Protein backbone atom coordinates (compact mmCIF):
# COMPACT_ATOMS: atom_id res chain seq x y z
CA MET A 1 9.53 8.09 -109.72
CA LYS A 2 9.81 9.99 -106.45
CA SER A 3 7.85 12.92 -107.94
CA LYS A 4 5.12 10.56 -109.13
CA LEU A 5 4.91 8.95 -105.68
CA LEU A 6 4.60 12.34 -103.97
CA SER A 7 1.86 13.35 -106.42
CA THR A 8 -0.02 10.15 -105.61
CA ILE A 9 0.30 10.75 -101.87
CA THR A 10 -0.91 14.34 -102.26
CA ALA A 11 -3.92 13.17 -104.27
CA LEU A 12 -4.70 10.62 -101.57
CA CYS A 13 -4.37 13.35 -98.95
CA LEU A 14 -6.90 15.53 -100.75
CA GLY A 15 -9.25 12.80 -101.91
CA LEU A 16 -9.83 11.03 -98.61
CA SER A 17 -10.79 14.19 -96.79
CA VAL A 18 -14.13 14.35 -98.54
CA VAL A 19 -15.17 11.10 -96.84
CA SER A 20 -15.49 12.65 -93.41
CA ALA A 21 -14.65 16.33 -93.30
CA THR A 22 -16.24 17.24 -90.01
CA ARG A 23 -18.15 14.23 -88.83
CA SER A 24 -18.66 13.03 -85.29
CA ALA A 25 -18.94 9.27 -85.61
CA ASN A 26 -21.33 8.23 -82.89
CA ILE A 27 -23.96 10.92 -82.51
CA GLY A 28 -27.10 8.80 -82.57
CA ALA A 29 -29.78 11.26 -83.62
CA SER A 30 -32.16 11.65 -86.56
CA THR A 31 -31.27 13.95 -89.43
CA SER A 32 -33.83 16.48 -88.23
CA ASP A 33 -32.21 16.76 -84.79
CA TRP A 34 -29.46 19.22 -83.86
CA PRO A 35 -27.51 17.15 -81.30
CA GLN A 36 -24.37 19.22 -80.92
CA TRP A 37 -22.48 22.41 -81.71
CA ARG A 38 -23.16 23.52 -85.31
CA GLY A 39 -25.51 20.64 -86.01
CA PRO A 40 -25.44 16.95 -86.92
CA GLN A 41 -22.13 17.09 -88.82
CA ARG A 42 -20.64 19.96 -86.78
CA ASN A 43 -20.54 22.18 -89.86
CA GLY A 44 -23.55 24.48 -89.48
CA ILE A 45 -25.65 22.58 -92.02
CA SER A 46 -29.09 21.02 -91.58
CA GLN A 47 -30.54 18.43 -93.99
CA GLU A 48 -34.10 19.62 -93.43
CA THR A 49 -36.23 20.58 -96.42
CA GLY A 50 -39.68 22.02 -97.01
CA LEU A 51 -38.91 25.25 -95.16
CA LEU A 52 -40.37 28.70 -95.72
CA LYS A 53 -38.57 30.46 -98.58
CA LYS A 54 -39.62 33.93 -97.46
CA TRP A 55 -40.70 35.45 -94.16
CA PRO A 56 -43.44 37.99 -93.47
CA ALA A 57 -42.36 41.34 -92.04
CA GLN A 58 -42.89 40.20 -88.44
CA GLY A 59 -41.01 36.95 -89.04
CA PRO A 60 -42.26 33.34 -89.06
CA LYS A 61 -44.89 32.14 -86.60
CA LEU A 62 -43.72 32.37 -82.98
CA LEU A 63 -44.60 29.18 -81.11
CA TRP A 64 -43.36 30.20 -77.68
CA GLN A 65 -40.89 32.36 -75.79
CA MET A 66 -39.10 31.67 -72.50
CA ASN A 67 -37.67 34.71 -70.75
CA ASP A 68 -35.82 33.19 -67.80
CA ILE A 69 -33.57 30.37 -68.95
CA GLY A 70 -30.58 31.88 -67.15
CA ASP A 71 -27.64 33.96 -68.34
CA GLY A 72 -25.26 32.91 -71.07
CA TYR A 73 -24.28 32.58 -74.72
CA SER A 74 -24.72 28.80 -74.99
CA THR A 75 -26.31 27.64 -78.25
CA PRO A 76 -28.95 24.93 -77.70
CA ALA A 77 -28.76 21.31 -78.80
CA VAL A 78 -32.11 19.75 -79.77
CA VAL A 79 -32.90 16.02 -79.89
CA GLY A 80 -36.43 14.67 -80.12
CA THR A 81 -38.69 16.58 -77.75
CA ARG A 82 -35.92 18.09 -75.63
CA ILE A 83 -33.69 21.13 -75.77
CA TYR A 84 -30.35 21.03 -73.94
CA LEU A 85 -28.31 24.10 -73.14
CA MET A 86 -26.11 25.70 -70.53
CA SER A 87 -26.74 28.81 -68.45
CA ASN A 88 -25.61 30.44 -65.25
CA ARG A 89 -27.21 32.32 -62.38
CA GLY A 90 -24.61 34.45 -60.68
CA MET A 91 -20.95 33.44 -60.67
CA ASP A 92 -21.26 30.28 -58.54
CA ASN A 93 -23.87 28.35 -60.49
CA GLU A 94 -23.24 27.24 -64.07
CA TYR A 95 -25.58 24.45 -65.07
CA VAL A 96 -26.89 22.17 -67.81
CA GLN A 97 -30.64 22.13 -68.36
CA ALA A 98 -33.19 20.22 -70.39
CA LEU A 99 -36.28 22.03 -71.66
CA SER A 100 -39.39 20.81 -73.47
CA THR A 101 -39.66 21.59 -77.18
CA GLN A 102 -43.42 21.89 -76.68
CA ASP A 103 -43.33 25.01 -74.52
CA GLY A 104 -39.75 25.64 -73.39
CA LYS A 105 -40.49 24.70 -69.79
CA PRO A 106 -37.67 23.10 -67.75
CA ILE A 107 -37.49 19.31 -67.28
CA TRP A 108 -34.29 19.09 -65.24
CA THR A 109 -31.34 21.25 -64.21
CA THR A 110 -27.89 20.06 -63.05
CA ARG A 111 -25.18 22.31 -61.65
CA LEU A 112 -21.64 21.70 -62.93
CA GLY A 113 -19.75 24.30 -60.91
CA ALA A 114 -18.76 27.94 -60.84
CA VAL A 115 -18.40 30.31 -63.80
CA GLY A 116 -14.86 30.56 -65.18
CA ASN A 117 -12.86 33.76 -64.69
CA PRO A 118 -15.59 35.55 -62.69
CA ASN A 119 -13.50 38.73 -62.46
CA ASP A 120 -14.04 39.28 -66.18
CA PHE A 121 -17.50 40.66 -65.53
CA LEU A 122 -18.11 41.65 -69.15
CA TYR A 123 -18.03 38.10 -70.54
CA ALA A 124 -18.26 35.75 -67.54
CA LYS A 125 -21.12 33.52 -68.70
CA ALA A 126 -21.95 29.97 -69.79
CA ARG A 127 -20.91 29.47 -73.42
CA SER A 128 -20.57 25.81 -74.38
CA THR A 129 -23.15 23.78 -76.31
CA PRO A 130 -23.80 20.31 -74.81
CA THR A 131 -23.28 17.28 -77.05
CA VAL A 132 -26.04 14.65 -77.02
CA ASP A 133 -24.98 11.07 -77.77
CA GLY A 134 -27.78 8.55 -77.31
CA GLU A 135 -28.68 8.39 -73.61
CA SER A 136 -25.72 10.55 -72.59
CA ILE A 137 -25.01 14.25 -72.76
CA TYR A 138 -21.54 15.80 -72.49
CA ALA A 139 -21.10 19.34 -71.24
CA LEU A 140 -18.15 21.61 -70.49
CA SER A 141 -18.44 24.59 -68.15
CA SER A 142 -16.56 27.85 -68.59
CA ASP A 143 -14.43 26.88 -65.57
CA GLY A 144 -13.39 23.55 -67.12
CA ASP A 145 -15.84 21.08 -65.58
CA ILE A 146 -16.45 18.32 -68.15
CA ALA A 147 -19.28 15.96 -67.28
CA CYS A 148 -21.24 13.06 -68.72
CA LEU A 149 -24.90 13.16 -67.69
CA GLU A 150 -27.99 11.05 -68.32
CA THR A 151 -30.22 12.70 -70.89
CA ALA A 152 -33.36 11.46 -69.13
CA THR A 153 -32.64 12.80 -65.65
CA GLY A 154 -29.55 15.00 -65.73
CA LYS A 155 -27.79 12.69 -63.28
CA ILE A 156 -24.00 13.01 -63.50
CA ARG A 157 -22.26 9.75 -64.48
CA TRP A 158 -18.73 11.14 -64.26
CA GLN A 159 -17.11 14.55 -64.00
CA LYS A 160 -13.60 16.02 -64.20
CA ASN A 161 -12.08 19.50 -64.21
CA ILE A 162 -9.71 19.83 -67.16
CA ARG A 163 -8.07 22.95 -65.75
CA GLN A 164 -7.28 21.48 -62.35
CA GLU A 165 -6.60 17.84 -63.26
CA PHE A 166 -4.66 18.29 -66.50
CA GLY A 167 -2.79 21.56 -65.98
CA GLY A 168 -5.21 23.33 -68.27
CA LYS A 169 -4.45 26.85 -69.42
CA GLN A 170 -7.61 28.66 -70.42
CA GLY A 171 -7.83 31.82 -72.48
CA VAL A 172 -8.56 35.28 -71.10
CA TRP A 173 -12.31 34.61 -71.29
CA ALA A 174 -12.20 31.09 -69.79
CA TYR A 175 -13.46 27.98 -71.63
CA ALA A 176 -16.00 28.22 -74.43
CA GLU A 177 -15.62 25.09 -76.58
CA SER A 178 -18.25 22.43 -77.08
CA PRO A 179 -17.11 18.80 -76.52
CA LEU A 180 -16.61 16.54 -79.52
CA VAL A 181 -17.90 12.96 -79.22
CA ASP A 182 -16.26 10.68 -81.78
CA GLY A 183 -16.67 6.92 -81.49
CA ASP A 184 -15.71 5.94 -77.94
CA VAL A 185 -14.00 9.19 -76.99
CA VAL A 186 -14.95 12.70 -75.99
CA VAL A 187 -12.37 15.31 -77.00
CA VAL A 188 -11.80 18.65 -75.26
CA THR A 189 -9.07 21.29 -75.09
CA PRO A 190 -7.58 21.99 -71.65
CA GLY A 191 -4.76 24.03 -73.19
CA GLY A 192 -1.27 24.27 -71.71
CA GLU A 193 1.81 22.08 -71.91
CA GLN A 194 0.53 18.91 -70.23
CA ALA A 195 -2.60 18.19 -72.27
CA THR A 196 -3.27 20.83 -74.88
CA LEU A 197 -5.90 18.50 -76.29
CA LEU A 198 -7.39 15.59 -74.36
CA ALA A 199 -9.31 12.44 -75.31
CA LEU A 200 -11.35 10.71 -72.61
CA ASN A 201 -13.29 7.46 -72.67
CA LYS A 202 -16.84 8.70 -73.05
CA ARG A 203 -18.29 6.01 -70.78
CA THR A 204 -15.85 6.27 -67.87
CA GLY A 205 -13.97 9.53 -68.23
CA ALA A 206 -10.63 7.65 -68.22
CA VAL A 207 -7.77 9.23 -70.16
CA VAL A 208 -7.27 7.76 -73.65
CA TRP A 209 -4.49 10.16 -74.66
CA LYS A 210 -3.07 13.58 -73.88
CA SER A 211 -1.68 15.71 -76.69
CA ALA A 212 1.13 18.07 -75.68
CA VAL A 213 1.15 20.49 -78.60
CA PRO A 214 4.53 22.24 -79.02
CA GLY A 215 4.42 25.63 -77.34
CA GLY A 216 1.74 24.56 -74.89
CA ASP A 217 -0.89 26.88 -76.34
CA PRO A 218 -3.61 28.17 -74.04
CA ALA A 219 -7.06 27.06 -75.17
CA GLY A 220 -8.84 29.28 -77.64
CA TYR A 221 -12.64 29.52 -77.87
CA SER A 222 -13.22 27.26 -80.87
CA SER A 223 -14.37 23.63 -80.96
CA VAL A 224 -12.65 20.52 -82.35
CA ILE A 225 -13.69 19.06 -85.71
CA VAL A 226 -12.87 15.76 -87.40
CA VAL A 227 -10.87 15.95 -90.63
CA GLN A 228 -9.98 12.91 -92.73
CA ALA A 229 -6.90 13.84 -94.78
CA CYS A 230 -3.48 12.53 -95.78
CA GLY A 231 -4.51 8.96 -95.06
CA ARG A 232 -5.40 9.51 -91.41
CA LYS A 233 -8.15 10.85 -89.22
CA GLN A 234 -7.23 14.09 -87.51
CA TYR A 235 -8.72 16.34 -84.87
CA VAL A 236 -8.40 19.99 -85.87
CA GLN A 237 -8.66 22.81 -83.34
CA PHE A 238 -8.06 26.57 -83.25
CA LEU A 239 -5.71 27.31 -80.34
CA SER A 240 -4.37 30.64 -79.14
CA LYS A 241 -1.28 30.36 -81.38
CA GLY A 242 -2.88 28.89 -84.46
CA ILE A 243 -4.97 26.11 -85.96
CA VAL A 244 -3.47 22.68 -85.28
CA GLY A 245 -4.08 19.11 -86.37
CA VAL A 246 -3.38 16.05 -84.22
CA ASP A 247 -3.70 12.34 -84.95
CA ALA A 248 -7.10 11.11 -83.77
CA LYS A 249 -5.77 7.75 -82.54
CA THR A 250 -2.78 8.96 -80.55
CA GLY A 251 -3.00 12.73 -80.15
CA GLN A 252 0.33 13.13 -81.97
CA PHE A 253 0.88 16.71 -83.16
CA LEU A 254 0.86 16.93 -86.97
CA TRP A 255 0.73 20.52 -88.22
CA ARG A 256 0.02 24.17 -87.38
CA TYR A 257 -1.30 27.23 -89.26
CA LYS A 258 -0.32 30.51 -87.57
CA GLU A 259 -1.51 33.28 -89.90
CA VAL A 260 -5.01 33.56 -88.45
CA ALA A 261 -3.88 33.65 -84.80
CA LYS A 262 -2.53 37.19 -84.48
CA GLY A 263 -5.30 38.46 -82.22
CA MET A 264 -6.89 37.49 -78.90
CA ALA A 265 -10.16 35.98 -80.11
CA GLN A 266 -9.63 32.52 -81.62
CA ILE A 267 -13.33 31.78 -81.83
CA PRO A 268 -14.80 30.50 -85.13
CA THR A 269 -14.74 26.74 -85.60
CA PRO A 270 -12.63 25.79 -88.65
CA VAL A 271 -14.32 24.61 -91.85
CA ALA A 272 -12.77 21.70 -93.78
CA ARG A 273 -13.28 19.75 -97.00
CA ASP A 274 -11.17 17.99 -99.64
CA GLY A 275 -7.90 18.54 -97.80
CA TYR A 276 -8.54 22.27 -97.32
CA VAL A 277 -9.01 23.85 -93.89
CA TYR A 278 -10.37 27.38 -93.52
CA GLY A 279 -9.89 29.34 -90.33
CA ALA A 280 -10.47 32.91 -89.23
CA ALA A 281 -10.22 35.23 -86.27
CA ASN A 282 -12.42 38.20 -85.48
CA ASP A 283 -11.03 41.43 -87.02
CA ILE A 284 -7.85 39.58 -88.13
CA GLY A 285 -8.99 37.89 -91.32
CA GLY A 286 -9.52 34.48 -92.83
CA GLY A 287 -7.33 32.02 -94.67
CA ALA A 288 -7.17 28.49 -96.02
CA VAL A 289 -4.46 25.86 -96.04
CA ARG A 290 -4.15 22.67 -98.05
CA LEU A 291 -2.96 19.64 -96.09
CA LYS A 292 -0.20 17.67 -97.79
CA SER A 293 1.80 14.61 -96.83
CA GLU A 294 5.52 15.13 -96.34
CA GLY A 295 7.43 11.99 -95.44
CA GLU A 296 5.55 10.49 -92.50
CA GLY A 297 4.14 13.86 -91.48
CA VAL A 298 1.63 16.45 -92.66
CA ILE A 299 2.25 20.06 -93.66
CA ALA A 300 -0.26 22.90 -94.03
CA GLU A 301 0.37 24.95 -97.17
CA GLN A 302 -1.35 28.36 -97.16
CA ILE A 303 -3.51 28.90 -100.23
CA TYR A 304 -4.83 32.36 -99.39
CA PHE A 305 -5.31 34.83 -96.55
CA ALA A 306 -7.07 38.22 -96.46
CA ARG A 307 -8.34 40.51 -93.74
CA GLY A 308 -11.72 41.06 -95.38
CA LEU A 309 -12.74 37.40 -95.65
CA PRO A 310 -15.38 35.91 -93.29
CA ASN A 311 -13.95 36.15 -89.78
CA GLY A 312 -16.85 36.94 -87.48
CA ILE A 313 -17.49 35.24 -84.16
CA GLY A 314 -20.54 33.67 -85.81
CA GLY A 315 -18.47 31.37 -88.02
CA SER A 316 -18.94 30.31 -91.64
CA VAL A 317 -20.76 27.59 -93.57
CA LEU A 318 -19.59 25.81 -96.72
CA VAL A 319 -22.38 25.22 -99.24
CA GLY A 320 -21.26 23.64 -102.50
CA ASP A 321 -18.09 25.42 -103.56
CA TYR A 322 -18.80 28.59 -101.62
CA LEU A 323 -18.19 29.78 -98.09
CA TYR A 324 -20.68 32.16 -96.48
CA GLY A 325 -19.92 34.21 -93.40
CA THR A 326 -19.77 37.71 -91.97
CA ALA A 327 -16.91 40.16 -91.50
CA GLU A 328 -16.50 43.88 -90.89
CA GLY A 329 -18.01 44.52 -94.31
CA GLY A 330 -21.19 42.49 -93.88
CA LEU A 331 -22.13 39.08 -95.32
CA LEU A 332 -19.87 37.54 -97.96
CA ALA A 333 -19.91 34.68 -100.46
CA VAL A 334 -16.38 33.39 -101.10
CA GLU A 335 -15.04 30.67 -103.39
CA PHE A 336 -13.68 28.15 -100.91
CA THR A 337 -10.55 26.95 -102.72
CA THR A 338 -9.38 30.37 -103.98
CA GLY A 339 -10.64 32.97 -101.50
CA LYS A 340 -12.21 34.97 -104.33
CA VAL A 341 -15.12 37.12 -103.11
CA LYS A 342 -18.21 36.61 -105.28
CA TRP A 343 -20.39 39.16 -103.50
CA GLN A 344 -20.54 41.22 -100.34
CA ALA A 345 -23.71 42.57 -98.69
CA GLU A 346 -22.70 45.53 -96.54
CA ASN A 347 -26.29 46.04 -95.35
CA MET A 348 -26.30 42.67 -93.54
CA CYS A 349 -25.35 42.59 -89.89
CA ARG A 350 -22.44 40.72 -88.34
CA GLY A 351 -23.68 37.57 -86.71
CA SER A 352 -23.80 33.78 -86.59
CA LEU A 353 -25.31 31.66 -89.32
CA VAL A 354 -26.42 28.17 -90.31
CA TYR A 355 -27.71 26.65 -93.55
CA ALA A 356 -30.79 24.62 -94.51
CA ASP A 357 -32.83 24.03 -97.66
CA GLY A 358 -31.02 26.56 -99.85
CA LEU A 359 -31.18 29.27 -97.20
CA LEU A 360 -28.89 31.00 -94.71
CA PHE A 361 -30.33 31.71 -91.27
CA LEU A 362 -28.53 34.53 -89.46
CA HIS A 363 -28.67 35.67 -85.84
CA CYS A 364 -27.31 39.19 -85.77
CA GLN A 365 -25.22 40.44 -82.87
CA ASN A 366 -27.87 43.11 -82.25
CA GLY A 367 -30.48 40.36 -81.79
CA ASP A 368 -32.19 40.57 -85.19
CA VAL A 369 -32.82 37.41 -87.23
CA ALA A 370 -32.44 37.29 -91.02
CA LEU A 371 -33.05 34.92 -93.92
CA VAL A 372 -30.84 35.03 -97.03
CA GLU A 373 -30.80 32.86 -100.13
CA ALA A 374 -27.61 30.77 -100.34
CA ASN A 375 -26.86 31.96 -103.87
CA SER A 376 -23.23 32.35 -104.89
CA GLU A 377 -24.11 34.67 -107.78
CA ALA A 378 -26.05 37.38 -105.97
CA TYR A 379 -27.35 38.50 -102.58
CA HIS A 380 -31.09 37.97 -102.03
CA GLU A 381 -32.52 38.75 -98.61
CA LYS A 382 -35.77 36.89 -97.83
CA GLY A 383 -36.71 38.34 -94.47
CA ARG A 384 -35.49 40.10 -91.34
CA PHE A 385 -37.17 40.75 -88.00
CA THR A 386 -36.56 41.59 -84.36
CA PRO A 387 -37.79 38.96 -81.88
CA PRO A 388 -40.37 40.30 -79.40
CA SER A 389 -39.44 41.36 -75.87
CA PRO A 390 -35.67 40.98 -76.27
CA PRO A 391 -33.49 40.90 -73.15
CA THR A 392 -32.06 44.06 -71.65
CA ARG A 393 -28.47 44.50 -72.82
CA ARG A 394 -25.83 45.62 -70.37
CA ARG A 395 -23.00 47.85 -71.50
CA MET A 396 -19.79 45.97 -72.32
CA GLY A 397 -17.30 48.82 -72.20
CA PRO A 398 -18.45 51.23 -74.94
CA TYR A 399 -20.71 48.61 -76.56
CA PRO A 400 -24.02 46.96 -75.65
CA GLU A 401 -24.05 43.25 -74.81
CA LYS A 402 -24.22 41.14 -77.97
CA ALA A 403 -26.30 38.17 -79.11
CA TRP A 404 -23.65 35.50 -79.68
CA ALA A 405 -25.66 32.25 -79.63
CA TYR A 406 -26.01 30.55 -83.03
CA PRO A 407 -29.40 29.82 -84.63
CA VAL A 408 -30.57 26.20 -84.46
CA ILE A 409 -32.83 24.34 -86.92
CA SER A 410 -34.59 21.18 -85.78
CA ASN A 411 -37.78 19.42 -86.83
CA GLY A 412 -39.12 22.37 -88.79
CA ARG A 413 -38.37 24.87 -86.06
CA LEU A 414 -35.92 27.72 -85.66
CA TYR A 415 -34.58 28.24 -82.14
CA ILE A 416 -32.99 31.54 -81.18
CA ARG A 417 -31.24 32.12 -77.86
CA ASP A 418 -30.29 35.64 -76.78
CA ILE A 419 -28.71 35.84 -73.31
CA GLY A 420 -31.57 34.77 -70.99
CA THR A 421 -34.32 34.40 -73.59
CA LEU A 422 -35.20 31.52 -75.93
CA TRP A 423 -37.66 31.70 -78.85
CA ALA A 424 -39.09 28.85 -80.95
CA TYR A 425 -40.42 29.62 -84.46
CA ASP A 426 -42.29 27.45 -86.96
CA ILE A 427 -40.39 27.64 -90.27
CA LYS A 428 -42.10 24.77 -92.11
CA ALA A 429 -43.66 25.79 -95.43
CA SER A 430 -46.70 23.63 -94.62
CA ARG A 431 -47.84 21.41 -91.76
C-alpha cells in the first residue's frame, strides 16, 4: 500500500509540472512580444510563425542599426513599439532605456546607479534584461539596484538595493540575473545567508518573503524560473553551489542539485518540464534531475550528467523531446529525458540561441548570427552572416570581448545586441 501511494505521489509530481514549467503568471503582453528574459514563457521559445526558412548570404533584410546604445551585455525586451534594455556609460552610470522599434532611437533613459564590481574591468558591464509587466518595468543593475519604473516615462516608482538592504552576496562578476515577475511578486537573488532569494510586492517593493538557503550561497548569474512539480509551485534558481528549488508561496528551501556547480560560472538558466530540470555550467557539463516527493519534502534524483552536453553561456532550448544548445564541441541535439546525443555540429559556433517556427536562431560569441533547422535527426544550417559594422572588441585577457546578448524575436523581427550596437532585421517570409 505504501509503495502504491509513493508511486501515485511520484506520478503527481511528474504530471503536474507540465502545466506550468517555466511560466511567469502576470506578464501582460501579446504572443508576438518578447517581454522578459528568454521570451514570453522564459524558456527561449517564441510562438511566431511565417518566418523565413532560409537566409541569403548577407542575412535577412536589415531594417536599422544603432551604434551607440551604451556598453553592456543586456538582452533586450520588446513589447509593442518599444525596446527596453540596460546599458552603462563608464562605471558610475548604469541605466534602463526605452528605444523605438521603428528606428532604434531613444525614448527615455533612467539611471539606476553604479556598475557592480567596477574593479573587474574585463566584465564590469550592464547585464540584466528588464521585465515588462503591463505599465511597469522591473530592472536589476549589476550592483544590485532593483527598481520598478513606468514603461511610458521611465519614472521610478520604487527602488531598493538587494546587496545593501538584504545582506546580498554577489558573485565575482556582480549581479547578472533578470527579475522574475510572477503574479503579485517580483523575485530576485541577493545571495548570502539573510535572503538568498527574495520575493517583493511588485507594486510597493515590500518584502513578501526571504529565503535563507542552507549554506548562504552567493548569487550566480542565472535567472529564476517557475516550475510546477510535486504538487506545488516552485522557484528554481542556479546559485553558486548548485541549482535549488524553493516554495513559491513561502520561500522554503526544498532541494539542491550540486553536480553542475563545480566551476565559477553558474550562468545558463535551467530548463524544466515534466518534473525534470536540466542545468549546466560553462566548461563543466550538463545534467538533469527528476523531482520526486519524499514525505513532505522534495528530492532531486540525478538522471544523467556529462561534460560534453550543452553547457554554454548562451543556454539551451527544449523543443519537443529534444534539447538544443552549444558546448565546447559545437551545437548539439540531446534527448531531454536521457541525455543521449542525437547529433553534434562541430562547425557551429558557441553562442546563445532561441527558437521560433521550427528554427533555431543563434548569436555566436564572435558576433555572427546563424539559422539552423530544429531537427532532432540531422543538422541543417539555413544561413549565417556577420552583422555590418560590428563594435570594436577589447581584449579580455588572451581573448577578444565576446557577444553574450541573446537573440530576440518579436513581431516578425530579429533583434541582435552586441556590446554597444543593436540591429533590427526583418525575418518575416512575407509582408
